[in-house]
Amino acid sequence: MKCGVCKGGTGRGYCGACVQDRVCQHEWLSNVVQERTAQVAQSGWTADRAQQLYEYQTRRLQARRARVAELKARIHEREQQIAAARQWYRELSESNKRNSVQQLESNTGLSTRQEALEQSHATQGALERVETTATALRADRLVLTSALCTVVGLRTVETDVFAGVDERARLFGLPWPGIDDWRKFPADYINACVSHSVHVFSVLSNYLHLQTPFAVVKRGSRLFIRPNWRQVDVREAALSIDDDRASFVVGLAMLFYNIAFMCHRQGVRVPVEQVADAVENMRLAVLAQAEPENTARTRLPFALDIYTVVQEVMRMYADPAHPDADLELRSRVHDELRRLHLCDDAVDSVDYEDDNWAII
């Protein structure tokens, strides 16, 4: 560093103190380089070893990308077949209706009933072909989503590489926090888990052609979530705990609500006490594609309420030792819900059991 005299000079010369300072800096940097070189030599890592590992991981990634591209092509082909079969079925139904009217007007008796029976058989055959194509599409989507689970480390079978360590679900090797861990774990760990779950959920919803109630938005390196049904005056909640805690609680509740909605569309009912187990819920949604009987459950109404999910998330951050802080957080969450237009403006209480709560 330059002293006051050398800093105001022409820069061609330095005083003895500045020269001694620079010599000390040079010696310190030399010692650091030597120490790091010795540590690398002791660890056994070499440039060749690192290059081999890099090439191996690159080949694995390329193979997985090729597999995903192949499965996407197969799904696209199946979807085209389903669209063609549905179009053919509509045309056949219209033709059958016209032929039925003409035949009923011109003929009576047994011949008319026989022709109607033949047309009914033809229609039934068309329905069976549509159902067969839909089953094949469901199987292809199951293969694609299972491949994604393999890539991200989401367990879809009972035997798993992490099964001997603990029973927690994992994404990219990170254990998903339990109900009592959200207040204890560091903010960077929570942000990493939430980011991984958002990434996997976005890919799954894309594979399943799912329109979610809340949309995730990425701005730079930060993630936000907002209601998907509003087109004007759209506000967003944060999906990072580094931001406002109340905004993060509401954003996390929206994410859990999206995952529960995806499970519902796959025929899986998620109870309220399990809504925070996002990784397990995504696993159940993937496995449900292998069970055709779940299709009938998708016709049932989606009974989960967003405010129930908000209460569940707030329980994760409840601290019995600081009741005043919990009351303050509830009030801030209430204000955040108003800002996002998720509650009726007539509600003046922070009690979420109030009957006046309603999505606008």
Protein backbone atom coordinates (compact mmCIF):
# COMPACT_ATOMS: atom_id res chain seq x y z
CA MET A 1 0.00 0.00 0.00
CA LYS A 2 1.10 3.61 -0.57
CA CYS A 3 1.53 6.01 2.27
CA GLY A 4 0.33 9.58 2.10
CA VAL A 5 3.59 10.81 0.61
CA CYS A 6 3.95 8.07 -2.06
CA LYS A 7 0.27 8.28 -2.99
CA GLY A 8 0.57 11.97 -3.84
CA GLY A 9 3.83 11.49 -5.79
CA THR A 10 4.42 10.78 -9.45
CA GLY A 11 4.40 6.98 -8.89
CA ARG A 12 7.98 6.43 -10.09
CA GLY A 13 9.40 5.74 -6.65
CA TYR A 14 8.31 4.61 -3.17
CA CYS A 15 9.55 5.21 0.31
CA GLY A 16 11.29 2.53 2.39
CA ALA A 17 8.13 1.68 4.38
CA CYS A 18 6.07 1.09 1.23
CA VAL A 19 8.85 -1.06 -0.28
CA GLN A 20 9.00 -3.14 2.92
CA ASP A 21 5.21 -3.55 2.87
CA ARG A 22 5.26 -4.86 -0.69
CA VAL A 23 8.09 -7.30 0.17
CA CYS A 24 5.99 -8.69 3.05
CA GLN A 25 2.98 -9.12 0.76
CA HIS A 26 5.09 -10.98 -1.78
CA GLU A 27 6.49 -13.34 0.88
CA TRP A 28 2.98 -14.04 2.24
CA LEU A 29 1.63 -14.87 -1.21
CA SER A 30 4.63 -17.15 -1.88
CA ASN A 31 3.98 -19.06 1.36
CA VAL A 32 0.25 -19.44 0.54
CA VAL A 33 1.02 -20.79 -2.94
CA GLN A 34 3.50 -23.30 -1.50
CA GLU A 35 1.01 -24.47 1.14
CA ARG A 36 -1.79 -24.93 -1.40
CA THR A 37 0.57 -26.80 -3.74
CA ALA A 38 1.57 -29.14 -0.91
CA GLN A 39 -2.07 -29.77 0.03
CA VAL A 40 -2.97 -30.66 -3.56
CA ALA A 41 0.00 -33.02 -3.78
CA GLN A 42 -0.96 -34.75 -0.50
CA SER A 43 -4.61 -35.20 -1.55
CA GLY A 44 -3.60 -37.28 -4.56
CA TRP A 45 -5.60 -35.19 -7.02
CA THR A 46 -3.88 -34.47 -10.27
CA ALA A 47 -4.90 -32.66 -13.39
CA ASP A 48 -5.31 -35.97 -15.23
CA ARG A 49 -7.53 -37.40 -12.49
CA ALA A 50 -9.71 -34.29 -12.47
CA GLN A 51 -9.96 -34.37 -16.27
CA GLN A 52 -10.97 -38.04 -16.21
CA LEU A 53 -13.67 -37.35 -13.63
CA TYR A 54 -14.93 -34.39 -15.63
CA GLU A 55 -15.10 -36.44 -18.83
CA TYR A 56 -16.91 -39.27 -17.03
CA GLN A 57 -19.54 -36.94 -15.58
CA THR A 58 -19.90 -35.25 -18.97
CA ARG A 59 -20.57 -38.58 -20.71
CA ARG A 60 -23.18 -39.50 -18.07
CA LEU A 61 -24.92 -36.17 -18.47
CA GLN A 62 -24.92 -36.45 -22.27
CA ALA A 63 -26.38 -39.97 -22.06
CA ARG A 64 -29.15 -38.79 -19.73
CA ARG A 65 -29.94 -35.85 -21.96
CA ALA A 66 -30.14 -38.17 -24.97
CA ARG A 67 -32.47 -40.49 -23.03
CA VAL A 68 -34.73 -37.58 -22.01
CA ALA A 69 -34.83 -36.31 -25.60
CA GLU A 70 -35.79 -39.78 -26.85
CA LEU A 71 -38.58 -40.06 -24.28
CA LYS A 72 -39.87 -36.60 -25.17
CA ALA A 73 -40.02 -37.65 -28.81
CA ARG A 74 -41.97 -40.78 -27.89
CA ILE A 75 -44.43 -38.78 -25.80
CA HIS A 76 -44.91 -36.30 -28.64
CA GLU A 77 -45.63 -39.19 -31.00
CA ARG A 78 -48.16 -40.67 -28.56
CA GLU A 79 -49.87 -37.31 -28.16
CA GLN A 80 -50.19 -37.00 -31.92
CA GLN A 81 -51.71 -40.48 -32.06
CA ILE A 82 -54.21 -39.55 -29.34
CA ALA A 83 -55.16 -36.34 -31.15
CA ALA A 84 -55.64 -38.25 -34.41
CA ALA A 85 -57.70 -40.92 -32.67
CA ARG A 86 -59.92 -38.31 -31.02
CA GLN A 87 -60.44 -36.50 -34.30
CA TRP A 88 -61.30 -39.77 -36.00
CA TYR A 89 -63.69 -40.60 -33.16
CA ARG A 90 -65.48 -37.25 -33.46
CA GLU A 91 -65.83 -37.64 -37.20
CA LEU A 92 -67.09 -41.20 -36.77
CA SER A 93 -69.61 -40.12 -34.13
CA GLU A 94 -70.98 -37.35 -36.36
CA SER A 95 -71.17 -39.73 -39.30
CA ASN A 96 -72.94 -42.33 -37.19
CA LYS A 97 -75.48 -39.78 -36.02
CA ARG A 98 -76.25 -38.67 -39.56
CA ASN A 99 -76.50 -42.26 -40.78
CA SER A 100 -78.74 -43.17 -37.85
CA VAL A 101 -81.15 -40.36 -38.63
CA GLN A 102 -81.26 -41.28 -42.32
CA GLN A 103 -81.78 -44.95 -41.61
CA LEU A 104 -84.47 -44.31 -39.05
CA GLU A 105 -86.31 -42.13 -41.53
CA SER A 106 -86.12 -44.67 -44.36
CA ASN A 107 -86.23 -48.03 -42.61
CA THR A 108 -88.00 -49.60 -39.68
CA GLY A 109 -87.90 -52.92 -37.94
CA LEU A 110 -85.04 -55.34 -37.40
CA SER A 111 -82.71 -53.95 -40.08
CA THR A 112 -82.62 -50.54 -38.36
CA ARG A 113 -81.80 -52.08 -34.96
CA GLN A 114 -79.07 -54.20 -36.53
CA GLU A 115 -77.40 -51.22 -38.16
CA ALA A 116 -77.62 -49.25 -34.91
CA LEU A 117 -75.94 -52.15 -33.11
CA GLU A 118 -73.13 -52.22 -35.67
CA GLN A 119 -72.61 -48.50 -35.29
CA SER A 120 -72.51 -48.91 -31.53
CA HIS A 121 -69.82 -51.57 -31.91
CA ALA A 122 -67.81 -49.26 -34.16
CA THR A 123 -68.08 -46.45 -31.61
CA GLN A 124 -67.02 -48.79 -28.81
CA GLY A 125 -64.01 -49.85 -30.85
CA ALA A 126 -63.00 -46.22 -31.33
CA LEU A 127 -63.27 -45.61 -27.59
CA GLU A 128 -61.09 -48.63 -26.90
CA ARG A 129 -58.43 -47.37 -29.30
CA VAL A 130 -58.44 -43.96 -27.63
CA GLU A 131 -58.11 -45.61 -24.20
CA THR A 132 -55.24 -47.79 -25.45
CA THR A 133 -53.37 -44.77 -26.77
CA ALA A 134 -53.97 -42.87 -23.51
CA THR A 135 -52.61 -45.84 -21.54
CA ALA A 136 -49.49 -45.90 -23.71
CA LEU A 137 -49.01 -42.15 -23.18
CA ARG A 138 -49.35 -42.63 -19.42
CA ALA A 139 -46.71 -45.37 -19.52
CA ASP A 140 -44.32 -43.18 -21.53
CA ARG A 141 -44.77 -40.31 -19.11
CA LEU A 142 -44.05 -42.69 -16.24
CA VAL A 143 -40.76 -43.68 -17.90
CA LEU A 144 -39.85 -40.02 -18.45
CA THR A 145 -40.67 -38.91 -14.89
CA SER A 146 -38.91 -41.97 -13.43
CA ALA A 147 -35.79 -41.05 -15.41
CA LEU A 148 -35.98 -37.53 -13.97
CA CYS A 149 -36.26 -38.97 -10.45
CA THR A 150 -33.16 -41.06 -11.10
CA VAL A 151 -31.22 -37.98 -12.22
CA VAL A 152 -32.17 -35.83 -9.22
CA GLY A 153 -31.83 -38.66 -6.68
CA LEU A 154 -35.53 -38.92 -5.82
CA ARG A 155 -36.24 -42.43 -4.53
CA THR A 156 -38.99 -44.25 -6.44
CA VAL A 157 -38.23 -47.78 -5.16
CA GLU A 158 -37.75 -49.17 -1.69
CA THR A 159 -34.02 -49.87 -2.15
CA ASP A 160 -31.97 -46.72 -2.46
CA VAL A 161 -28.34 -45.69 -2.09
CA PHE A 162 -29.30 -43.50 0.89
CA ALA A 163 -31.66 -46.03 2.50
CA GLY A 164 -29.00 -47.14 4.99
CA VAL A 165 -28.27 -43.57 6.10
CA ASP A 166 -31.73 -42.34 7.13
CA GLU A 167 -35.36 -42.44 6.05
CA ARG A 168 -35.56 -38.86 4.79
CA ALA A 169 -36.43 -38.12 1.19
CA ARG A 170 -33.62 -36.45 -0.75
CA LEU A 171 -33.13 -34.23 -3.79
CA PHE A 172 -29.66 -34.08 -5.33
CA GLY A 173 -28.40 -35.76 -2.16
CA LEU A 174 -29.80 -33.11 0.25
CA PRO A 175 -32.19 -34.47 2.94
CA TRP A 176 -35.52 -32.66 2.94
CA PRO A 177 -36.05 -30.77 6.24
CA GLY A 178 -38.54 -32.16 8.73
CA ILE A 179 -41.29 -30.16 10.40
CA ASP A 180 -39.01 -29.15 13.29
CA ASP A 181 -35.95 -28.42 11.12
CA TRP A 182 -37.09 -25.30 9.25
CA ARG A 183 -36.27 -22.98 12.18
CA LYS A 184 -32.98 -24.74 12.98
CA PHE A 185 -31.30 -25.26 9.60
CA PRO A 186 -29.17 -22.46 8.06
CA ALA A 187 -30.79 -20.15 5.53
CA ASP A 188 -28.48 -21.32 2.72
CA TYR A 189 -29.54 -24.95 3.27
CA ILE A 190 -33.25 -24.05 3.26
CA ASN A 191 -32.80 -21.98 0.07
CA ALA A 192 -30.99 -24.86 -1.63
CA CYS A 193 -33.75 -27.34 -0.73
CA VAL A 194 -36.50 -24.99 -1.93
CA SER A 195 -34.64 -24.25 -5.19
CA HIS A 196 -34.16 -27.97 -5.89
CA SER A 197 -37.84 -28.72 -5.23
CA VAL A 198 -38.94 -25.83 -7.50
CA HIS A 199 -36.69 -27.12 -10.29
CA VAL A 200 -37.96 -30.72 -10.06
CA PHE A 201 -41.60 -29.62 -9.72
CA SER A 202 -41.32 -27.37 -12.78
CA VAL A 203 -39.96 -30.22 -14.90
CA LEU A 204 -42.62 -32.66 -13.64
CA SER A 205 -45.49 -30.23 -14.28
CA ASN A 206 -44.12 -29.68 -17.79
CA TYR A 207 -43.97 -33.42 -18.46
CA LEU A 208 -47.52 -33.87 -17.12
CA HIS A 209 -48.92 -30.84 -19.02
CA LEU A 210 -50.20 -29.40 -15.74
CA GLN A 211 -51.54 -25.84 -15.31
CA THR A 212 -50.78 -24.98 -11.67
CA PRO A 213 -52.69 -22.51 -9.47
CA PHE A 214 -49.52 -20.53 -8.75
CA ALA A 215 -46.73 -19.65 -11.19
CA VAL A 216 -43.02 -19.62 -10.29
CA VAL A 217 -41.01 -16.70 -11.71
CA LYS A 218 -37.21 -16.46 -11.82
CA ARG A 219 -35.57 -13.05 -11.71
CA GLY A 220 -31.83 -13.39 -11.93
CA SER A 221 -30.79 -15.86 -9.24
CA ARG A 222 -33.93 -15.32 -7.11
CA LEU A 223 -37.22 -17.20 -7.26
CA PHE A 224 -40.70 -15.75 -6.75
CA ILE A 225 -44.22 -17.15 -6.95
CA ARG A 226 -47.51 -15.47 -7.74
CA PRO A 227 -51.19 -16.35 -8.36
CA ASN A 228 -51.68 -17.78 -11.82
CA TRP A 229 -55.26 -16.63 -12.22
CA ARG A 230 -54.64 -12.86 -11.98
CA GLN A 231 -53.75 -10.87 -15.09
CA VAL A 232 -53.61 -7.36 -13.62
CA ASP A 233 -52.05 -5.95 -10.43
CA VAL A 234 -50.06 -9.15 -9.98
CA ARG A 235 -47.95 -9.29 -6.82
CA GLU A 236 -45.27 -11.86 -5.98
CA ALA A 237 -44.03 -13.68 -2.88
CA ALA A 238 -40.42 -14.67 -2.29
CA LEU A 239 -39.13 -18.25 -2.33
CA SER A 240 -35.95 -17.31 -0.48
CA ILE A 241 -35.64 -17.05 3.26
CA ASP A 242 -33.12 -14.23 2.83
CA ASP A 243 -36.04 -11.93 1.99
CA ASP A 244 -38.97 -11.01 4.21
CA ARG A 245 -39.91 -13.96 6.47
CA ALA A 246 -43.64 -13.36 6.01
CA SER A 247 -43.27 -13.29 2.23
CA PHE A 248 -41.25 -16.52 2.35
CA VAL A 249 -43.93 -18.25 4.49
CA VAL A 250 -46.66 -17.35 1.98
CA GLY A 251 -44.46 -18.27 -1.00
CA LEU A 252 -43.60 -21.65 0.55
CA ALA A 253 -47.31 -22.30 1.17
CA MET A 254 -48.04 -21.56 -2.51
CA LEU A 255 -45.32 -24.02 -3.58
CA PHE A 256 -46.69 -26.75 -1.29
CA TYR A 257 -50.19 -26.05 -2.60
CA ASN A 258 -48.96 -26.48 -6.20
CA ILE A 259 -47.36 -29.84 -5.36
CA ALA A 260 -50.52 -31.04 -3.58
CA PHE A 261 -52.56 -29.97 -6.62
CA MET A 262 -50.26 -32.00 -8.90
CA CYS A 263 -50.79 -35.01 -6.64
CA HIS A 264 -54.56 -34.51 -6.86
CA ARG A 265 -54.41 -34.47 -10.66
CA GLN A 266 -52.59 -37.82 -10.48
CA GLY A 267 -55.22 -39.29 -8.17
CA VAL A 268 -53.25 -38.97 -4.91
CA ARG A 269 -54.84 -37.26 -1.90
CA VAL A 270 -52.36 -35.34 0.28
CA PRO A 271 -53.51 -34.81 3.89
CA VAL A 272 -52.88 -31.45 5.50
CA GLU A 273 -50.33 -32.83 7.94
CA GLN A 274 -48.27 -34.17 5.02
CA VAL A 275 -48.43 -31.10 2.78
CA ALA A 276 -44.94 -29.92 3.86
CA ASP A 277 -43.31 -33.21 2.71
CA ALA A 278 -42.84 -31.83 -0.80
CA VAL A 279 -40.30 -34.42 -1.96
CA GLU A 280 -42.41 -37.36 -0.75
CA ASN A 281 -45.52 -35.87 -2.39
CA MET A 282 -43.72 -35.51 -5.74
CA ARG A 283 -42.57 -39.13 -5.43
CA LEU A 284 -46.16 -40.28 -4.85
CA ALA A 285 -47.34 -38.29 -7.88
CA VAL A 286 -44.76 -40.04 -10.07
CA LEU A 287 -45.66 -43.51 -8.76
CA ALA A 288 -49.40 -42.84 -9.20
CA GLN A 289 -49.01 -42.82 -12.99
CA ALA A 290 -48.53 -46.59 -12.87
CA GLU A 291 -52.01 -47.05 -11.35
CA PRO A 292 -54.78 -46.47 -13.91
CA GLU A 293 -57.48 -46.69 -11.21
CA ASN A 294 -56.30 -43.30 -9.89
CA THR A 295 -57.91 -41.67 -12.93
CA ALA A 296 -61.35 -41.88 -11.30
CA ARG A 297 -60.09 -39.96 -8.24
CA THR A 298 -59.07 -36.96 -10.34
CA ARG A 299 -62.75 -36.20 -10.94
CA LEU A 300 -63.24 -35.46 -7.23
CA PRO A 301 -63.01 -31.79 -6.14
CA PHE A 302 -59.70 -30.49 -4.79
CA ALA A 303 -60.64 -29.77 -1.19
CA LEU A 304 -57.31 -28.41 0.11
CA ASP A 305 -57.45 -24.73 1.08
CA ILE A 306 -54.50 -22.36 0.64
CA TYR A 307 -54.98 -20.85 4.09
CA THR A 308 -54.80 -24.27 5.71
CA VAL A 309 -51.43 -24.68 4.03
CA VAL A 310 -50.36 -21.24 5.28
CA GLN A 311 -51.20 -22.28 8.84
CA GLU A 312 -49.21 -25.49 8.41
CA VAL A 313 -46.14 -23.54 7.24
CA MET A 314 -46.49 -21.09 10.13
CA ARG A 315 -46.50 -24.03 12.58
CA MET A 316 -43.10 -25.01 11.18
CA TYR A 317 -41.73 -21.61 12.22
CA ALA A 318 -43.62 -21.39 15.50
CA ASP A 319 -41.30 -20.89 18.47
CA PRO A 320 -42.90 -21.70 21.86
CA ALA A 321 -40.18 -19.70 23.60
CA HIS A 322 -41.13 -16.48 21.76
CA PRO A 323 -44.94 -16.20 21.53
CA ASP A 324 -44.75 -12.46 20.81
CA ALA A 325 -42.64 -13.10 17.71
CA ASP A 326 -45.20 -15.66 16.51
CA LEU A 327 -48.03 -13.14 16.86
CA GLU A 328 -46.02 -10.57 14.93
CA LEU A 329 -45.30 -13.11 12.17
CA ARG A 330 -49.01 -14.00 11.93
CA SER A 331 -49.90 -10.34 11.52
CA ARG A 332 -47.25 -9.85 8.82
CA VAL A 333 -48.39 -12.99 6.98
CA HIS A 334 -51.96 -11.66 7.08
CA ASP A 335 -50.80 -8.40 5.51
CA GLU A 336 -48.82 -10.33 2.89
CA LEU A 337 -51.91 -12.34 1.92
CA ARG A 338 -53.84 -9.09 1.49
CA ARG A 339 -51.04 -7.67 -0.66
CA LEU A 340 -51.17 -10.74 -2.90
CA HIS A 341 -54.99 -10.54 -3.16
CA LEU A 342 -55.33 -14.01 -1.63
CA CYS A 343 -57.91 -13.05 0.96
CA ASP A 344 -61.11 -11.07 1.21
CA ASP A 345 -60.54 -7.43 2.13
CA ALA A 346 -63.43 -7.67 4.62
CA VAL A 347 -61.33 -9.88 6.90
CA ASP A 348 -59.97 -7.89 9.84
CA SER A 349 -58.74 -10.78 11.96
CA VAL A 350 -55.52 -12.79 11.65
CA ASP A 351 -57.42 -15.93 12.66
CA TYR A 352 -57.31 -18.15 9.57
CA GLU A 353 -60.28 -20.19 10.77
CA ASP A 354 -62.57 -17.28 9.87
CA ASP A 355 -65.28 -18.26 7.36
CA ASN A 356 -64.72 -15.03 5.43
CA TRP A 357 -61.45 -16.24 3.91
CA ALA A 358 -61.83 -16.86 0.21
CA ILE A 359 -59.67 -16.82 -2.91
CA ILE A 360 -60.59 -13.91 -5.16
